[in-house]
Amino acid sequence: MLLVDGIPWVYIERGGTSLATFESSSVDWAPALAAAVDAGSLGDLEIGSIDGEPIGESACSEDLIAAGFTRGYKGLVRRHRGR
């Protein structure tokens, strides 16, 4: 779960392959998600779907790419850079 000031923005399903956004997430949450991976707060992510839609059809995919996620075989990928 990605929280900002105690407000849920994004739920990250186990394994990091699916995300669910919340109505309260009207702000751009993609950079915060990328920063959480970079900081090691989250493991590597390979997102295949958002809100039940395949990543290629999601309006959020361009936001994630702009935040530094890259296209991978199964979806958009962000790896912890501290390794």
Protein backbone atom coordinates (compact mmCIF):
# COMPACT_ATOMS: atom_id res chain seq x y z
CA MET A 1 0.00 0.00 0.00
CA LEU A 2 1.35 3.41 -0.93
CA LEU A 3 0.17 6.00 1.59
CA VAL A 4 0.78 9.73 1.54
CA ASP A 5 -0.09 11.64 4.70
CA GLY A 6 -2.08 8.60 5.81
CA ILE A 7 -4.22 8.62 2.67
CA PRO A 8 -4.13 5.49 0.44
CA TRP A 9 -3.06 6.21 -3.12
CA VAL A 10 -2.24 2.79 -4.55
CA TYR A 11 -2.62 -0.80 -3.39
CA ILE A 12 0.17 -3.04 -4.66
CA GLU A 13 -1.00 -6.61 -4.89
CA ARG A 14 1.26 -9.38 -3.64
CA GLY A 15 4.08 -9.98 -6.10
CA GLY A 16 3.91 -6.43 -7.46
CA THR A 17 2.21 -7.39 -10.71
CA SER A 18 -1.10 -5.58 -10.20
CA LEU A 19 -2.07 -2.20 -8.80
CA ALA A 20 -5.39 -0.83 -7.61
CA THR A 21 -5.83 2.93 -7.33
CA PHE A 22 -8.11 4.73 -4.90
CA GLU A 23 -10.58 7.53 -5.56
CA SER A 24 -8.47 9.73 -3.30
CA SER A 25 -5.44 9.31 -5.57
CA SER A 26 -6.20 12.34 -7.72
CA VAL A 27 -2.56 13.39 -7.62
CA ASP A 28 0.27 11.95 -9.71
CA TRP A 29 1.28 8.91 -7.65
CA ALA A 30 3.66 7.32 -10.19
CA PRO A 31 6.77 9.28 -9.07
CA ALA A 32 6.06 8.37 -5.44
CA LEU A 33 5.80 4.70 -6.41
CA ALA A 34 9.11 4.87 -8.31
CA ALA A 35 10.77 6.61 -5.35
CA ALA A 36 9.53 3.89 -2.97
CA VAL A 37 11.14 1.21 -5.16
CA ASP A 38 14.37 3.21 -5.44
CA ALA A 39 14.53 3.68 -1.67
CA GLY A 40 14.08 -0.03 -1.09
CA SER A 41 10.73 0.41 0.65
CA LEU A 42 9.21 -1.84 -2.02
CA GLY A 43 10.76 -4.69 -3.93
CA ASP A 44 11.14 -4.75 -7.67
CA LEU A 45 7.87 -4.20 -9.53
CA GLU A 46 6.72 -5.62 -12.86
CA ILE A 47 3.24 -4.20 -13.27
CA GLY A 48 0.99 -6.09 -15.65
CA SER A 49 -2.35 -4.49 -14.79
CA ILE A 50 -3.88 -1.47 -13.08
CA ASP A 51 -7.45 -1.47 -11.81
CA GLY A 52 -8.09 -4.73 -13.67
CA GLU A 53 -6.97 -3.39 -17.06
CA PRO A 54 -3.90 -4.69 -18.88
CA ILE A 55 -1.05 -2.21 -18.49
CA GLY A 56 -1.02 -1.46 -22.23
CA GLU A 57 -4.63 -0.28 -22.05
CA SER A 58 -4.34 1.69 -18.81
CA ALA A 59 -4.30 5.47 -18.86
CA CYS A 60 -1.76 5.27 -16.01
CA SER A 61 0.91 3.53 -18.12
CA GLU A 62 2.27 6.78 -19.57
CA ASP A 63 2.53 8.28 -16.08
CA LEU A 64 4.59 5.28 -14.94
CA ILE A 65 6.88 5.52 -17.98
CA ALA A 66 7.37 9.24 -17.29
CA ALA A 67 8.30 8.31 -13.70
CA GLY A 68 11.05 6.00 -14.95
CA PHE A 69 9.37 2.62 -15.34
CA THR A 70 10.50 0.75 -18.45
CA ARG A 71 8.67 -1.62 -20.75
CA GLY A 72 9.39 -5.25 -19.99
CA TYR A 73 8.17 -8.56 -21.33
CA LYS A 74 5.19 -8.79 -18.98
CA GLY A 75 4.55 -5.13 -18.20
CA LEU A 76 6.19 -2.01 -16.83
CA VAL A 77 9.25 -2.62 -14.70
CA ARG A 78 11.06 -0.73 -11.94
CA ARG A 79 14.00 -2.32 -10.17
CA HIS A 80 15.59 -1.26 -6.90
CA ARG A 81 18.70 0.66 -7.92
CA GLY A 82 20.60 0.10 -4.68
CA ARG A 83 21.88 -3.32 -5.71
